Amino acid sequence: MPIYEYEHISEGCTLTGKLFEVKQSLTDEPLTHCPTCQGPVRKRISRIGLSIQKSRAELRDLGFTKLVKRDDGIYENVTRRQGENRYMVRGQPDTIPDFSRTISD
């Protein structure tokens, strides 16, 4: 069950503070009021952690592009496809991978 983060719109609650987390089902409606003080709240967008255990070839075959920082403004495209540059360099648009080959509507 995912954990969602909420923020009090006005003053924070004396028990939960300005921000609090709630475990909710994906199908549950977002909270509009704090379950403790009944003050108005809004759902916040939070970061999530993902761990992808795929090889570079598997990522490439799935349509992903993985860039690894090598120097200031220089990234190595470790999932490059035929015809793509090995390095992407800041300020050189011709070194950017061609995403139109992997992204479609």
N, C-alpha and C. Protein backbone atom coordinates (compact mmCIF):
# COMPACT_ATOMS: atom_id res chain seq x y z
N MET A 1 0.85 -1.17 0.00
CA MET A 1 0.00 0.00 0.00
C MET A 1 0.90 1.24 0.00
N PRO A 2 0.69 2.18 -0.93
CA PRO A 2 1.55 3.37 -1.02
C PRO A 2 1.36 4.33 0.15
N ILE A 3 2.40 5.10 0.40
CA ILE A 3 2.36 6.14 1.43
C ILE A 3 2.28 7.48 0.71
N TYR A 4 1.27 8.29 1.05
CA TYR A 4 1.08 9.59 0.44
C TYR A 4 1.42 10.68 1.45
N GLU A 5 1.91 11.79 0.94
CA GLU A 5 2.30 12.92 1.78
C GLU A 5 1.27 14.02 1.61
N TYR A 6 0.84 14.60 2.73
CA TYR A 6 -0.13 15.68 2.74
C TYR A 6 0.45 16.89 3.47
N GLU A 7 -0.05 18.05 3.11
CA GLU A 7 0.41 19.31 3.70
C GLU A 7 -0.80 20.10 4.15
N HIS A 8 -0.73 20.65 5.37
CA HIS A 8 -1.80 21.53 5.84
C HIS A 8 -1.77 22.82 5.03
N ILE A 9 -2.93 23.29 4.62
CA ILE A 9 -3.01 24.51 3.81
C ILE A 9 -2.77 25.74 4.69
N SER A 10 -3.33 25.73 5.89
CA SER A 10 -3.10 26.86 6.81
C SER A 10 -2.06 26.43 7.85
N GLU A 11 -2.31 26.69 9.10
CA GLU A 11 -1.38 26.31 10.16
C GLU A 11 -1.30 24.79 10.30
N GLY A 12 -0.16 24.30 10.74
CA GLY A 12 0.01 22.87 10.94
C GLY A 12 -0.73 22.37 12.16
N CYS A 13 -0.96 21.09 12.19
CA CYS A 13 -1.64 20.42 13.29
C CYS A 13 -0.69 20.30 14.47
N THR A 14 -1.20 20.36 15.69
CA THR A 14 -0.35 20.23 16.87
C THR A 14 0.22 18.82 17.01
N LEU A 15 -0.47 17.81 16.48
CA LEU A 15 0.01 16.44 16.58
C LEU A 15 0.82 16.00 15.36
N THR A 16 0.38 16.35 14.15
CA THR A 16 1.06 15.88 12.95
C THR A 16 2.04 16.89 12.37
N GLY A 17 1.93 18.16 12.74
CA GLY A 17 2.79 19.19 12.17
C GLY A 17 2.25 19.67 10.83
N LYS A 18 3.10 20.38 10.06
CA LYS A 18 2.68 20.93 8.77
C LYS A 18 2.52 19.83 7.71
N LEU A 19 3.40 18.83 7.75
CA LEU A 19 3.37 17.71 6.79
C LEU A 19 3.10 16.41 7.52
N PHE A 20 2.38 15.51 6.87
CA PHE A 20 2.18 14.18 7.44
C PHE A 20 1.99 13.17 6.33
N GLU A 21 2.19 11.90 6.66
CA GLU A 21 2.07 10.81 5.69
C GLU A 21 0.91 9.90 6.06
N VAL A 22 0.27 9.34 5.03
CA VAL A 22 -0.86 8.44 5.23
C VAL A 22 -0.73 7.27 4.27
N LYS A 23 -0.92 6.04 4.77
CA LYS A 23 -0.98 4.86 3.90
C LYS A 23 -2.39 4.79 3.34
N GLN A 24 -2.48 4.77 2.00
CA GLN A 24 -3.78 4.71 1.34
C GLN A 24 -3.69 3.77 0.15
N SER A 25 -4.81 3.20 -0.20
CA SER A 25 -4.91 2.38 -1.40
C SER A 25 -4.87 3.30 -2.62
N LEU A 26 -4.49 2.76 -3.76
CA LEU A 26 -4.48 3.53 -4.99
C LEU A 26 -5.88 4.01 -5.37
N THR A 27 -6.89 3.28 -4.93
CA THR A 27 -8.27 3.62 -5.29
C THR A 27 -8.92 4.59 -4.30
N ASP A 28 -8.28 4.86 -3.16
CA ASP A 28 -8.84 5.80 -2.17
C ASP A 28 -8.82 7.22 -2.71
N GLU A 29 -9.84 7.99 -2.37
CA GLU A 29 -9.89 9.41 -2.72
C GLU A 29 -8.86 10.16 -1.87
N PRO A 30 -8.22 11.20 -2.41
CA PRO A 30 -7.28 11.98 -1.61
C PRO A 30 -7.99 12.65 -0.44
N LEU A 31 -7.25 12.79 0.66
CA LEU A 31 -7.80 13.47 1.83
C LEU A 31 -7.99 14.96 1.52
N THR A 32 -9.02 15.55 2.09
CA THR A 32 -9.23 17.00 1.98
C THR A 32 -9.09 17.66 3.34
N HIS A 33 -9.15 16.83 4.42
CA HIS A 33 -9.03 17.35 5.78
C HIS A 33 -8.12 16.43 6.59
N CYS A 34 -7.40 17.00 7.52
CA CYS A 34 -6.51 16.26 8.41
C CYS A 34 -7.34 15.31 9.27
N PRO A 35 -6.93 14.03 9.37
CA PRO A 35 -7.68 13.09 10.20
C PRO A 35 -7.59 13.42 11.69
N THR A 36 -6.62 14.23 12.11
CA THR A 36 -6.45 14.57 13.52
C THR A 36 -7.18 15.84 13.91
N CYS A 37 -6.92 16.95 13.17
CA CYS A 37 -7.48 18.25 13.57
C CYS A 37 -8.61 18.73 12.65
N GLN A 38 -8.87 17.99 11.57
CA GLN A 38 -9.91 18.34 10.59
C GLN A 38 -9.61 19.61 9.79
N GLY A 39 -8.37 20.12 9.87
CA GLY A 39 -7.97 21.28 9.07
C GLY A 39 -7.82 20.90 7.60
N PRO A 40 -7.95 21.87 6.68
CA PRO A 40 -7.84 21.56 5.25
C PRO A 40 -6.40 21.18 4.87
N VAL A 41 -6.29 20.15 4.02
CA VAL A 41 -4.99 19.67 3.56
C VAL A 41 -5.00 19.46 2.06
N ARG A 42 -3.80 19.38 1.47
CA ARG A 42 -3.66 19.05 0.05
C ARG A 42 -2.57 17.99 -0.09
N LYS A 43 -2.75 17.17 -1.11
CA LYS A 43 -1.79 16.10 -1.39
C LYS A 43 -0.55 16.71 -2.03
N ARG A 44 0.61 16.24 -1.62
CA ARG A 44 1.87 16.72 -2.18
C ARG A 44 2.43 15.69 -3.15
N ILE A 45 3.20 16.17 -4.09
CA ILE A 45 3.91 15.27 -5.00
C ILE A 45 5.23 14.92 -4.33
N SER A 46 5.50 13.65 -4.16
CA SER A 46 6.69 13.20 -3.46
C SER A 46 7.58 12.40 -4.40
N ARG A 47 8.85 12.34 -4.07
CA ARG A 47 9.78 11.52 -4.84
C ARG A 47 9.61 10.06 -4.46
N ILE A 48 9.92 9.21 -5.40
CA ILE A 48 9.89 7.78 -5.13
C ILE A 48 11.26 7.20 -5.45
N GLY A 49 11.55 6.10 -4.86
CA GLY A 49 12.81 5.42 -5.15
C GLY A 49 12.56 4.20 -6.02
N LEU A 50 13.30 4.10 -7.10
CA LEU A 50 13.19 2.95 -7.99
C LEU A 50 14.55 2.30 -8.13
N SER A 51 14.56 1.02 -8.22
CA SER A 51 15.79 0.29 -8.47
C SER A 51 15.53 -0.64 -9.66
N ILE A 52 16.22 -0.38 -10.74
CA ILE A 52 16.04 -1.19 -11.94
C ILE A 52 17.25 -2.12 -12.07
N GLN A 53 17.00 -3.41 -12.00
CA GLN A 53 18.06 -4.40 -12.08
C GLN A 53 18.10 -4.99 -13.49
N LYS A 54 18.50 -4.18 -14.45
CA LYS A 54 18.58 -4.63 -15.84
C LYS A 54 19.97 -4.32 -16.36
N SER A 55 20.42 -5.13 -17.29
CA SER A 55 21.72 -4.86 -17.92
C SER A 55 21.55 -3.70 -18.89
N ARG A 56 22.66 -3.16 -19.33
CA ARG A 56 22.62 -2.04 -20.29
C ARG A 56 21.94 -2.48 -21.58
N ALA A 57 22.21 -3.68 -22.03
CA ALA A 57 21.60 -4.18 -23.27
C ALA A 57 20.09 -4.33 -23.10
N GLU A 58 19.66 -4.83 -21.92
CA GLU A 58 18.22 -4.97 -21.67
C GLU A 58 17.54 -3.60 -21.63
N LEU A 59 18.18 -2.61 -21.00
CA LEU A 59 17.63 -1.26 -20.97
C LEU A 59 17.49 -0.71 -22.38
N ARG A 60 18.54 -0.88 -23.19
CA ARG A 60 18.52 -0.40 -24.57
C ARG A 60 17.40 -1.07 -25.36
N ASP A 61 17.25 -2.39 -25.19
CA ASP A 61 16.23 -3.12 -25.93
C ASP A 61 14.81 -2.73 -25.50
N LEU A 62 14.67 -2.25 -24.26
CA LEU A 62 13.37 -1.78 -23.77
C LEU A 62 13.09 -0.33 -24.18
N GLY A 63 14.06 0.33 -24.82
CA GLY A 63 13.87 1.69 -25.31
C GLY A 63 14.40 2.77 -24.38
N PHE A 64 15.13 2.38 -23.32
CA PHE A 64 15.68 3.36 -22.39
C PHE A 64 17.05 3.83 -22.86
N THR A 65 17.42 5.03 -22.44
CA THR A 65 18.74 5.57 -22.67
C THR A 65 19.36 5.87 -21.32
N LYS A 66 20.54 5.32 -21.05
CA LYS A 66 21.21 5.55 -19.77
C LYS A 66 22.46 6.37 -20.04
N LEU A 67 22.52 7.55 -19.38
CA LEU A 67 23.67 8.43 -19.49
C LEU A 67 24.43 8.41 -18.17
N VAL A 68 25.75 8.25 -18.24
CA VAL A 68 26.60 8.22 -17.05
C VAL A 68 27.55 9.42 -17.11
N LYS A 69 27.56 10.23 -16.05
CA LYS A 69 28.40 11.43 -16.02
C LYS A 69 29.88 11.02 -16.00
N ARG A 70 30.64 11.58 -16.92
CA ARG A 70 32.07 11.28 -17.02
C ARG A 70 32.94 12.48 -16.65
N ASP A 71 32.43 13.68 -16.89
CA ASP A 71 33.19 14.91 -16.60
C ASP A 71 32.17 16.03 -16.53
N ASP A 72 32.61 17.24 -16.23
CA ASP A 72 31.69 18.37 -16.15
C ASP A 72 31.10 18.63 -17.53
N GLY A 73 29.80 18.34 -17.69
CA GLY A 73 29.12 18.58 -18.96
C GLY A 73 29.30 17.48 -19.98
N ILE A 74 29.90 16.35 -19.60
CA ILE A 74 30.12 15.24 -20.52
C ILE A 74 29.50 13.97 -19.93
N TYR A 75 28.61 13.34 -20.73
CA TYR A 75 27.92 12.13 -20.30
C TYR A 75 28.14 11.04 -21.33
N GLU A 76 28.42 9.83 -20.86
CA GLU A 76 28.58 8.69 -21.76
C GLU A 76 27.24 7.99 -21.92
N ASN A 77 26.84 7.75 -23.17
CA ASN A 77 25.62 7.02 -23.47
C ASN A 77 25.97 5.54 -23.48
N VAL A 78 25.76 4.86 -22.33
CA VAL A 78 26.15 3.46 -22.20
C VAL A 78 25.14 2.51 -22.84
N THR A 79 24.04 3.03 -23.34
CA THR A 79 23.04 2.21 -24.04
C THR A 79 22.89 2.67 -25.48
N ARG A 80 23.95 3.23 -26.04
CA ARG A 80 23.86 3.82 -27.38
C ARG A 80 23.48 2.76 -28.41
N ARG A 81 22.80 3.23 -29.43
CA ARG A 81 22.39 2.40 -30.55
C ARG A 81 23.27 2.75 -31.75
N GLN A 82 23.17 1.95 -32.77
CA GLN A 82 23.98 2.19 -33.96
C GLN A 82 23.69 3.59 -34.50
N GLY A 83 24.74 4.34 -34.78
CA GLY A 83 24.61 5.68 -35.33
C GLY A 83 24.56 6.78 -34.27
N GLU A 84 24.49 6.42 -32.97
CA GLU A 84 24.46 7.43 -31.91
C GLU A 84 25.88 7.70 -31.40
N ASN A 85 26.09 8.91 -30.92
CA ASN A 85 27.38 9.28 -30.35
C ASN A 85 27.60 8.56 -29.02
N ARG A 86 28.85 8.28 -28.72
CA ARG A 86 29.18 7.65 -27.44
C ARG A 86 29.05 8.65 -26.30
N TYR A 87 29.40 9.92 -26.57
CA TYR A 87 29.37 10.93 -25.53
C TYR A 87 28.39 12.04 -25.89
N MET A 88 27.69 12.55 -24.89
CA MET A 88 26.84 13.73 -25.02
C MET A 88 27.57 14.86 -24.32
N VAL A 89 27.78 15.95 -25.05
CA VAL A 89 28.56 17.06 -24.53
C VAL A 89 27.68 18.30 -24.42
N ARG A 90 27.73 18.97 -23.26
CA ARG A 90 26.95 20.18 -23.05
C ARG A 90 27.35 21.22 -24.10
N GLY A 91 26.33 21.87 -24.69
CA GLY A 91 26.57 22.90 -25.68
C GLY A 91 26.73 22.37 -27.09
N GLN A 92 26.65 21.07 -27.26
CA GLN A 92 26.77 20.46 -28.59
C GLN A 92 25.52 19.64 -28.87
N PRO A 93 24.45 20.28 -29.39
CA PRO A 93 23.18 19.59 -29.60
C PRO A 93 23.27 18.38 -30.52
N ASP A 94 24.25 18.33 -31.40
CA ASP A 94 24.37 17.20 -32.31
C ASP A 94 24.80 15.92 -31.60
N THR A 95 25.22 16.02 -30.33
CA THR A 95 25.64 14.83 -29.58
C THR A 95 24.50 14.23 -28.75
N ILE A 96 23.32 14.87 -28.74
CA ILE A 96 22.18 14.37 -27.98
C ILE A 96 21.61 13.14 -28.67
N PRO A 97 21.30 12.08 -27.92
CA PRO A 97 20.73 10.87 -28.54
C PRO A 97 19.42 11.19 -29.27
N ASP A 98 19.16 10.44 -30.35
CA ASP A 98 17.95 10.63 -31.15
C ASP A 98 16.81 9.86 -30.51
N PHE A 99 16.03 10.54 -29.65
CA PHE A 99 14.95 9.87 -28.91
C PHE A 99 13.77 9.55 -29.80
N SER A 100 13.67 10.15 -30.97
CA SER A 100 12.54 9.85 -31.87
C SER A 100 12.60 8.39 -32.36
N ARG A 101 13.76 7.76 -32.24
CA ARG A 101 13.89 6.37 -32.64
C ARG A 101 13.33 5.42 -31.58
N THR A 102 13.22 5.90 -30.32
CA THR A 102 12.77 5.03 -29.24
C THR A 102 11.46 5.45 -28.62
N ILE A 103 11.02 6.69 -28.84
CA ILE A 103 9.78 7.19 -28.25
C ILE A 103 8.75 7.35 -29.35
N SER A 104 7.57 6.79 -29.11
CA SER A 104 6.50 6.94 -30.10
C SER A 104 5.20 7.20 -29.38
N ASP A 105 4.21 7.69 -30.14
CA ASP A 105 2.90 7.97 -29.54
C ASP A 105 2.10 6.72 -29.32
